[in-house]
Amino acid sequence: MSSELSKIAAKIQDKSLREKVTQLIEKPTIRIGEREYTGLPLAVSPAGLSHHHSYSGGLLEHMEASTEIALGLCKIVERIYGGKVDRDLVIAGMLLHDIFKPLTYERMEDGTYATAPLADRLDHLTLAVSKMIRMGFPLDLVHIVGAHHGGSAGPIWPRTIEALICHLADITDSRLNGEVLRAARYLSRTATGEELNINSSKEAFDIVRSKQSEHSNSEKANLAVKDAIERIIAERKKG
């Protein structure tokens, strides 16, 4: 488990829950029939194939960012609205909501990601809920994971404050990252005629920021984007 995830998990006050969450993060596998399914390492798994965090390490970023957003929402509920929130459930929910995504992706020979065979039969929500029930996680936490897509895109609407916070945190970070990726791809295509394959959130933000710095003139803006792309390519070669 990464140092950042360890720090987040350490915020869970309930020792038993913290240990169980850590156990699942360290070994996100599931047995179906006679086969034990394992997926990509968390450190390299994307969180999506195209819309958001669709690059190596994207899942870890999403887990960390969405947890920060969720904790911010907890503060709002408590300090401004006077509500009560079980932060242990929120933290655990954000750490586990996409924990089985690595089992639904596979890395191709050209370095891109595609849908794994398991994902043709079961989605990451179903896998996570099944595993969590087997491991004896609290019902309210299982509900958070099962409801984090909301009722329109998932099987059930959030029915608790904690589930609602986690749902909103998930879609907020997904939308933030997805919009920046979309903008960076568009800008690269407009400036160079070819769409750059974005390898990290930093690359996407750098491209969008370069456009902002020269917003008063389209020609200068395109040149700024080209310069940013050239720097990105140069950095990749160094790495």
C-alpha atoms as a PDB file:
ATOM      1  CA  MET A   1       0.000   0.000   0.000  1.00  0.00           C
ATOM      2  CA  SER A   2       1.313   3.450  -0.884  1.00  0.00           C
ATOM      3  CA  SER A   3       2.436   5.819   1.854  1.00  0.00           C
ATOM      4  CA  GLU A   4      -0.388   8.218   0.990  1.00  0.00           C
ATOM      5  CA  LEU A   5      -3.049   5.527   1.286  1.00  0.00           C
ATOM      6  CA  SER A   6      -1.486   4.387   4.554  1.00  0.00           C
ATOM      7  CA  LYS A   7      -1.794   7.917   5.934  1.00  0.00           C
ATOM      8  CA  ILE A   8      -5.434   8.096   4.894  1.00  0.00           C
ATOM      9  CA  ALA A   9      -6.250   4.661   6.335  1.00  0.00           C
ATOM     10  CA  ALA A  10      -4.586   5.669   9.614  1.00  0.00           C
ATOM     11  CA  LYS A  11      -7.304   8.312  10.066  1.00  0.00           C
ATOM     12  CA  ILE A  12      -9.894   5.558  10.609  1.00  0.00           C
ATOM     13  CA  GLN A  13     -10.381   5.541  14.381  1.00  0.00           C
ATOM     14  CA  ASP A  14     -12.021   2.126  14.690  1.00  0.00           C
ATOM     15  CA  LYS A  15      -9.095  -0.323  14.851  1.00  0.00           C
ATOM     16  CA  SER A  16     -11.037  -3.333  13.579  1.00  0.00           C
ATOM     17  CA  LEU A  17     -12.416  -1.420  10.593  1.00  0.00           C
ATOM     18  CA  ARG A  18      -9.020   0.124   9.853  1.00  0.00           C
ATOM     19  CA  GLU A  19      -7.345  -3.277   9.796  1.00  0.00           C
ATOM     20  CA  LYS A  20     -10.031  -4.769   7.571  1.00  0.00           C
ATOM     21  CA  VAL A  21      -9.827  -1.861   5.114  1.00  0.00           C
ATOM     22  CA  THR A  22      -6.035  -2.158   5.021  1.00  0.00           C
ATOM     23  CA  GLN A  23      -6.294  -5.894   4.422  1.00  0.00           C
ATOM     24  CA  LEU A  24      -8.520  -5.404   1.376  1.00  0.00           C
ATOM     25  CA  ILE A  25      -6.391  -2.595  -0.061  1.00  0.00           C
ATOM     26  CA  GLU A  26      -3.270  -4.725   0.257  1.00  0.00           C
ATOM     27  CA  LYS A  27      -4.929  -7.724  -1.390  1.00  0.00           C
ATOM     28  CA  PRO A  28      -7.845  -6.726  -3.659  1.00  0.00           C
ATOM     29  CA  THR A  29      -8.555 -10.188  -5.057  1.00  0.00           C
ATOM     30  CA  ILE A  30     -11.693 -12.284  -5.287  1.00  0.00           C
ATOM     31  CA  ARG A  31     -12.370 -15.993  -5.747  1.00  0.00           C
ATOM     32  CA  ILE A  32     -15.135 -16.961  -8.156  1.00  0.00           C
ATOM     33  CA  GLY A  33     -15.636 -20.689  -8.527  1.00  0.00           C
ATOM     34  CA  GLU A  34     -12.222 -22.312  -8.677  1.00  0.00           C
ATOM     35  CA  ARG A  35     -10.372 -19.210  -9.817  1.00  0.00           C
ATOM     36  CA  GLU A  36      -8.752 -16.432  -7.803  1.00  0.00           C
ATOM     37  CA  TYR A  37      -8.901 -13.170  -9.762  1.00  0.00           C
ATOM     38  CA  THR A  38      -6.138 -10.616  -9.363  1.00  0.00           C
ATOM     39  CA  GLY A  39      -5.770  -7.385 -11.234  1.00  0.00           C
ATOM     40  CA  LEU A  40      -3.288  -4.676 -12.042  1.00  0.00           C
ATOM     41  CA  PRO A  41      -1.216  -3.346  -9.139  1.00  0.00           C
ATOM     42  CA  LEU A  42      -2.912  -0.360  -7.509  1.00  0.00           C
ATOM     43  CA  ALA A  43       0.166   1.738  -8.209  1.00  0.00           C
ATOM     44  CA  VAL A  44      -0.252   1.481 -11.993  1.00  0.00           C
ATOM     45  CA  SER A  45      -4.003   0.990 -12.460  1.00  0.00           C
ATOM     46  CA  PRO A  46      -6.019   3.757 -14.119  1.00  0.00           C
ATOM     47  CA  ALA A  47      -9.395   4.724 -12.698  1.00  0.00           C
ATOM     48  CA  GLY A  48     -11.007   4.825 -16.138  1.00  0.00           C
ATOM     49  CA  LEU A  49     -10.292   4.013 -19.751  1.00  0.00           C
ATOM     50  CA  SER A  50     -11.112   7.386 -21.287  1.00  0.00           C
ATOM     51  CA  HIS A  51     -13.243   9.773 -19.235  1.00  0.00           C
ATOM     52  CA  HIS A  52     -11.168  10.392 -16.103  1.00  0.00           C
ATOM     53  CA  HIS A  53      -7.843   9.341 -14.550  1.00  0.00           C
ATOM     54  CA  SER A  54      -7.233   7.227 -17.660  1.00  0.00           C
ATOM     55  CA  TYR A  55      -3.486   6.785 -17.203  1.00  0.00           C
ATOM     56  CA  SER A  56      -1.069   4.770 -15.095  1.00  0.00           C
ATOM     57  CA  GLY A  57      -1.439   5.702 -11.425  1.00  0.00           C
ATOM     58  CA  GLY A  58      -4.780   7.360 -12.039  1.00  0.00           C
ATOM     59  CA  LEU A  59      -6.627   5.184  -9.542  1.00  0.00           C
ATOM     60  CA  LEU A  60      -4.347   6.137  -6.655  1.00  0.00           C
ATOM     61  CA  GLU A  61      -4.773   9.813  -7.525  1.00  0.00           C
ATOM     62  CA  HIS A  62      -8.528   9.409  -7.609  1.00  0.00           C
ATOM     63  CA  MET A  63      -8.610   7.596  -4.274  1.00  0.00           C
ATOM     64  CA  GLU A  64      -6.534  10.306  -2.606  1.00  0.00           C
ATOM     65  CA  ALA A  65      -8.283  13.279  -4.220  1.00  0.00           C
ATOM     66  CA  SER A  66     -11.820  12.004  -3.684  1.00  0.00           C
ATOM     67  CA  THR A  67     -11.050  11.299  -0.018  1.00  0.00           C
ATOM     68  CA  GLU A  68      -9.838  14.878   0.441  1.00  0.00           C
ATOM     69  CA  ILE A  69     -13.023  16.173  -1.173  1.00  0.00           C
ATOM     70  CA  ALA A  70     -15.158  13.915   1.018  1.00  0.00           C
ATOM     71  CA  LEU A  71     -13.449  15.126   4.189  1.00  0.00           C
ATOM     72  CA  GLY A  72     -14.051  18.700   3.068  1.00  0.00           C
ATOM     73  CA  LEU A  73     -17.741  17.904   2.665  1.00  0.00           C
ATOM     74  CA  CYS A  74     -17.738  16.383   6.165  1.00  0.00           C
ATOM     75  CA  LYS A  75     -16.502  19.700   7.544  1.00  0.00           C
ATOM     76  CA  ILE A  76     -19.250  21.580   5.728  1.00  0.00           C
ATOM     77  CA  VAL A  77     -21.951  19.250   7.037  1.00  0.00           C
ATOM     78  CA  GLU A  78     -20.668  19.475  10.599  1.00  0.00           C
ATOM     79  CA  ARG A  79     -19.520  23.087  10.917  1.00  0.00           C
ATOM     80  CA  ILE A  80     -22.032  24.890   8.729  1.00  0.00           C
ATOM     81  CA  TYR A  81     -25.107  22.663   8.609  1.00  0.00           C
ATOM     82  CA  GLY A  82     -24.785  21.277  12.130  1.00  0.00           C
ATOM     83  CA  GLY A  83     -25.092  17.677  10.964  1.00  0.00           C
ATOM     84  CA  LYS A  84     -23.282  14.584  12.172  1.00  0.00           C
ATOM     85  CA  VAL A  85     -21.076  12.405   9.995  1.00  0.00           C
ATOM     86  CA  ASP A  86     -19.346   9.089  10.689  1.00  0.00           C
ATOM     87  CA  ARG A  87     -15.925   9.929   9.277  1.00  0.00           C
ATOM     88  CA  ASP A  88     -14.653   6.384   9.643  1.00  0.00           C
ATOM     89  CA  LEU A  89     -17.309   5.236   7.181  1.00  0.00           C
ATOM     90  CA  VAL A  90     -16.557   8.111   4.804  1.00  0.00           C
ATOM     91  CA  ILE A  91     -12.807   7.483   4.774  1.00  0.00           C
ATOM     92  CA  ALA A  92     -13.248   3.733   4.418  1.00  0.00           C
ATOM     93  CA  GLY A  93     -15.834   4.255   1.680  1.00  0.00           C
ATOM     94  CA  MET A  94     -13.559   6.480  -0.373  1.00  0.00           C
ATOM     95  CA  LEU A  95     -10.635   4.073  -0.025  1.00  0.00           C
ATOM     96  CA  LEU A  96     -12.721   1.084  -1.105  1.00  0.00           C
ATOM     97  CA  HIS A  97     -15.225   2.512  -3.592  1.00  0.00           C
ATOM     98  CA  ASP A  98     -13.056   1.680  -6.639  1.00  0.00           C
ATOM     99  CA  ILE A  99     -10.827  -0.963  -5.070  1.00  0.00           C
ATOM    100  CA  PHE A 100     -11.804  -3.597  -7.649  1.00  0.00           C
ATOM    101  CA  LYS A 101     -11.263  -1.455 -10.725  1.00  0.00           C
ATOM    102  CA  PRO A 102      -7.780  -2.966 -11.224  1.00  0.00           C
ATOM    103  CA  LEU A 103      -9.484  -6.322 -11.841  1.00  0.00           C
ATOM    104  CA  THR A 104     -11.542  -4.836 -14.656  1.00  0.00           C
ATOM    105  CA  TYR A 105      -8.591  -3.490 -16.683  1.00  0.00           C
ATOM    106  CA  GLU A 106      -5.600  -4.995 -18.417  1.00  0.00           C
ATOM    107  CA  ARG A 107      -2.509  -3.389 -19.882  1.00  0.00           C
ATOM    108  CA  MET A 108      -1.879  -4.002 -23.569  1.00  0.00           C
ATOM    109  CA  GLU A 109       1.496  -4.488 -25.257  1.00  0.00           C
ATOM    110  CA  ASP A 110       1.457  -0.920 -26.585  1.00  0.00           C
ATOM    111  CA  GLY A 111       1.023   0.470 -23.066  1.00  0.00           C
ATOM    112  CA  THR A 112      -2.658   1.324 -23.375  1.00  0.00           C
ATOM    113  CA  TYR A 113      -5.402  -0.095 -21.161  1.00  0.00           C
ATOM    114  CA  ALA A 114      -8.410  -2.170 -22.130  1.00  0.00           C
ATOM    115  CA  THR A 115     -11.316  -3.982 -20.489  1.00  0.00           C
ATOM    116  CA  ALA A 116     -10.283  -7.234 -18.816  1.00  0.00           C
ATOM    117  CA  PRO A 117     -12.283 -10.426 -19.518  1.00  0.00           C
ATOM    118  CA  LEU A 118     -13.722 -10.407 -15.983  1.00  0.00           C
ATOM    119  CA  ALA A 119     -15.289  -6.989 -16.638  1.00  0.00           C
ATOM    120  CA  ASP A 120     -17.334  -8.494 -19.467  1.00  0.00           C
ATOM    121  CA  ARG A 121     -19.253 -10.396 -16.795  1.00  0.00           C
ATOM    122  CA  LEU A 122     -19.057  -8.310 -13.600  1.00  0.00           C
ATOM    123  CA  ASP A 123     -18.481  -4.628 -12.882  1.00  0.00           C
ATOM    124  CA  HIS A 124     -16.269  -3.257 -10.112  1.00  0.00           C
ATOM    125  CA  LEU A 125     -19.258  -2.365  -7.918  1.00  0.00           C
ATOM    126  CA  THR A 126     -20.593  -5.922  -7.927  1.00  0.00           C
ATOM    127  CA  LEU A 127     -17.149  -7.324  -7.219  1.00  0.00           C
ATOM    128  CA  ALA A 128     -16.538  -4.941  -4.330  1.00  0.00           C
ATOM    129  CA  VAL A 129     -19.927  -5.455  -2.709  1.00  0.00           C
ATOM    130  CA  SER A 130     -19.581  -9.233  -2.972  1.00  0.00           C
ATOM    131  CA  LYS A 131     -16.100  -9.234  -1.431  1.00  0.00           C
ATOM    132  CA  MET A 132     -17.052  -6.825   1.348  1.00  0.00           C
ATOM    133  CA  ILE A 133     -20.054  -8.928   2.369  1.00  0.00           C
ATOM    134  CA  ARG A 134     -17.842 -12.025   2.459  1.00  0.00           C
ATOM    135  CA  MET A 135     -15.332 -10.172   4.656  1.00  0.00           C
ATOM    136  CA  GLY A 136     -18.003  -8.996   7.081  1.00  0.00           C
ATOM    137  CA  PHE A 137     -17.836  -5.255   6.500  1.00  0.00           C
ATOM    138  CA  PRO A 138     -20.624  -3.141   8.092  1.00  0.00           C
ATOM    139  CA  LEU A 139     -23.797  -2.829   6.020  1.00  0.00           C
ATOM    140  CA  ASP A 140     -23.573   0.973   5.946  1.00  0.00           C
ATOM    141  CA  LEU A 141     -20.083   0.760   4.426  1.00  0.00           C
ATOM    142  CA  VAL A 142     -21.180  -1.802   1.855  1.00  0.00           C
ATOM    143  CA  HIS A 143     -24.020   0.578   0.985  1.00  0.00           C
ATOM    144  CA  ILE A 144     -21.567   3.456   0.470  1.00  0.00           C
ATOM    145  CA  VAL A 145     -19.587   1.436  -2.057  1.00  0.00           C
ATOM    146  CA  GLY A 146     -22.687   0.083  -3.787  1.00  0.00           C
ATOM    147  CA  ALA A 147     -24.275   3.532  -4.050  1.00  0.00           C
ATOM    148  CA  HIS A 148     -21.273   5.668  -4.985  1.00  0.00           C
ATOM    149  CA  HIS A 149     -22.351   5.945  -8.641  1.00  0.00           C
ATOM    150  CA  GLY A 150     -25.802   7.183  -7.617  1.00  0.00           C
ATOM    151  CA  GLY A 151     -29.113   5.750  -8.708  1.00  0.00           C
ATOM    152  CA  SER A 152     -28.879   6.932 -12.306  1.00  0.00           C
ATOM    153  CA  ALA A 153     -25.605   5.170 -13.098  1.00  0.00           C
ATOM    154  CA  GLY A 154     -25.570   2.595 -10.320  1.00  0.00           C
ATOM    155  CA  PRO A 155     -27.866   0.059  -8.647  1.00  0.00           C
ATOM    156  CA  ILE A 156     -29.097   2.255  -5.787  1.00  0.00           C
ATOM    157  CA  TRP A 157     -29.275   5.876  -4.642  1.00  0.00           C
ATOM    158  CA  PRO A 158     -27.271   6.946  -1.583  1.00  0.00           C
ATOM    159  CA  ARG A 159     -29.567   6.552   1.429  1.00  0.00           C
ATOM    160  CA  THR A 160     -27.260   7.818   4.205  1.00  0.00           C
ATOM    161  CA  ILE A 161     -25.389  11.080   4.747  1.00  0.00           C
ATOM    162  CA  GLU A 162     -22.083   9.232   4.477  1.00  0.00           C
ATOM    163  CA  ALA A 163     -23.089   7.558   1.208  1.00  0.00           C
ATOM    164  CA  LEU A 164     -24.215  10.889  -0.236  1.00  0.00           C
ATOM    165  CA  ILE A 165     -20.916  12.552   0.712  1.00  0.00           C
ATOM    166  CA  CYS A 166     -18.926   9.748  -0.906  1.00  0.00           C
ATOM    167  CA  HIS A 167     -21.076   9.832  -4.043  1.00  0.00           C
ATOM    168  CA  LEU A 168     -20.610  13.581  -4.436  1.00  0.00           C
ATOM    169  CA  ALA A 169     -16.875  13.391  -3.745  1.00  0.00           C
ATOM    170  CA  ASP A 170     -16.464  10.665  -6.357  1.00  0.00           C
ATOM    171  CA  ILE A 171     -18.293  12.475  -9.130  1.00  0.00           C
ATOM    172  CA  THR A 172     -16.635  15.809  -8.274  1.00  0.00           C
ATOM    173  CA  ASP A 173     -13.109  14.469  -8.639  1.00  0.00           C
ATOM    174  CA  SER A 174     -14.038  12.396 -11.679  1.00  0.00           C
ATOM    175  CA  ARG A 175     -15.538  15.467 -13.344  1.00  0.00           C
ATOM    176  CA  LEU A 176     -12.600  17.718 -12.428  1.00  0.00           C
ATOM    177  CA  ASN A 177     -10.016  15.325 -13.798  1.00  0.00           C
ATOM    178  CA  GLY A 178     -12.113  14.359 -16.799  1.00  0.00           C
ATOM    179  CA  GLU A 179     -12.764  17.947 -17.875  1.00  0.00           C
ATOM    180  CA  VAL A 180      -9.072  18.863 -17.633  1.00  0.00           C
ATOM    181  CA  LEU A 181      -8.077  15.773 -19.629  1.00  0.00           C
ATOM    182  CA  ARG A 182     -10.675  16.580 -22.268  1.00  0.00           C
ATOM    183  CA  ALA A 183      -9.482  20.177 -22.519  1.00  0.00           C
ATOM    184  CA  ALA A 184      -5.812  19.164 -22.741  1.00  0.00           C
ATOM    185  CA  ARG A 185      -6.522  16.673 -25.508  1.00  0.00           C
ATOM    186  CA  TYR A 186      -8.528  19.252 -27.439  1.00  0.00           C
ATOM    187  CA  LEU A 187      -5.836  21.914 -27.044  1.00  0.00           C
ATOM    188  CA  SER A 188      -3.099  19.545 -28.175  1.00  0.00           C
ATOM    189  CA  ARG A 189      -5.135  18.567 -31.227  1.00  0.00           C
ATOM    190  CA  THR A 190      -5.913  22.190 -32.093  1.00  0.00           C
ATOM    191  CA  ALA A 191      -2.333  23.373 -31.670  1.00  0.00           C
ATOM    192  CA  THR A 192      -0.487  20.514 -33.369  1.00  0.00           C
ATOM    193  CA  GLY A 193      -3.044  18.654 -35.465  1.00  0.00           C
ATOM    194  CA  GLU A 194      -2.538  15.528 -33.380  1.00  0.00           C
ATOM    195  CA  GLU A 195      -3.997  14.547 -30.023  1.00  0.00           C
ATOM    196  CA  LEU A 196      -1.381  13.988 -27.362  1.00  0.00           C
ATOM    197  CA  ASN A 197      -1.817  10.825 -25.308  1.00  0.00           C
ATOM    198  CA  ILE A 198      -1.901  12.280 -21.790  1.00  0.00           C
ATOM    199  CA  ASN A 199       0.154  10.223 -19.332  1.00  0.00           C
ATOM    200  CA  SER A 200      -0.572  12.091 -16.098  1.00  0.00           C
ATOM    201  CA  SER A 201      -2.756  14.740 -14.525  1.00  0.00           C
ATOM    202  CA  LYS A 202       0.263  17.051 -14.334  1.00  0.00           C
ATOM    203  CA  GLU A 203       0.659  16.945 -18.099  1.00  0.00           C
ATOM    204  CA  ALA A 204      -3.002  17.817 -18.585  1.00  0.00           C
ATOM    205  CA  PHE A 205      -2.922  20.710 -16.135  1.00  0.00           C
ATOM    206  CA  ASP A 206       0.320  22.033 -17.648  1.00  0.00           C
ATOM    207  CA  ILE A 207      -1.244  22.149 -21.115  1.00  0.00           C
ATOM    208  CA  VAL A 208      -4.414  23.863 -19.906  1.00  0.00           C
ATOM    209  CA  ARG A 209      -2.383  26.359 -17.864  1.00  0.00           C
ATOM    210  CA  SER A 210      -0.222  27.202 -20.884  1.00  0.00           C
ATOM    211  CA  LYS A 211      -3.344  28.180 -22.821  1.00  0.00           C
ATOM    212  CA  GLN A 212      -4.551  30.371 -19.953  1.00  0.00           C
ATOM    213  CA  SER A 213      -1.266  32.287 -19.894  1.00  0.00           C
ATOM    214  CA  GLU A 214      -1.836  33.536 -23.453  1.00  0.00           C
ATOM    215  CA  HIS A 215      -5.616  33.844 -23.584  1.00  0.00           C
ATOM    216  CA  SER A 216      -5.640  37.248 -25.323  1.00  0.00           C
ATOM    217  CA  ASN A 217      -4.234  35.995 -28.620  1.00  0.00           C
ATOM    218  CA  SER A 218      -5.108  32.713 -30.362  1.00  0.00           C
ATOM    219  CA  GLU A 219      -1.816  32.416 -32.221  1.00  0.00           C
ATOM    220  CA  LYS A 220       0.216  33.008 -29.073  1.00  0.00           C
ATOM    221  CA  ALA A 221      -1.995  30.598 -27.186  1.00  0.00           C
ATOM    222  CA  ASN A 222      -1.344  27.838 -29.712  1.00  0.00           C
ATOM    223  CA  LEU A 223       2.379  28.512 -29.534  1.00  0.00           C
ATOM    224  CA  ALA A 224       2.238  28.316 -25.747  1.00  0.00           C
ATOM    225  CA  VAL A 225       0.447  24.963 -25.969  1.00  0.00           C
ATOM    226  CA  LYS A 226       3.016  23.687 -28.466  1.00  0.00           C
ATOM    227  CA  ASP A 227       5.827  24.737 -26.135  1.00  0.00           C
ATOM    228  CA  ALA A 228       4.137  22.939 -23.236  1.00  0.00           C
ATOM    229  CA  ILE A 229       3.764  19.776 -25.308  1.00  0.00           C
ATOM    230  CA  GLU A 230       7.412  19.922 -26.374  1.00  0.00           C
ATOM    231  CA  ARG A 231       8.446  20.203 -22.719  1.00  0.00           C
ATOM    232  CA  ILE A 232       6.260  17.237 -21.828  1.00  0.00           C
ATOM    233  CA  ILE A 233       7.743  15.096 -24.601  1.00  0.00           C
ATOM    234  CA  ALA A 234      11.261  16.110 -23.563  1.00  0.00           C
ATOM    235  CA  GLU A 235      10.533  15.186 -19.940  1.00  0.00           C
ATOM    236  CA  ARG A 236       9.205  11.794 -21.035  1.00  0.00           C
ATOM    237  CA  LYS A 237      12.413  11.072 -22.925  1.00  0.00           C
ATOM    238  CA  LYS A 238      14.476  11.966 -19.857  1.00  0.00           C
ATOM    239  CA  GLY A 239      12.354   9.641 -17.723  1.00  0.00           C
END
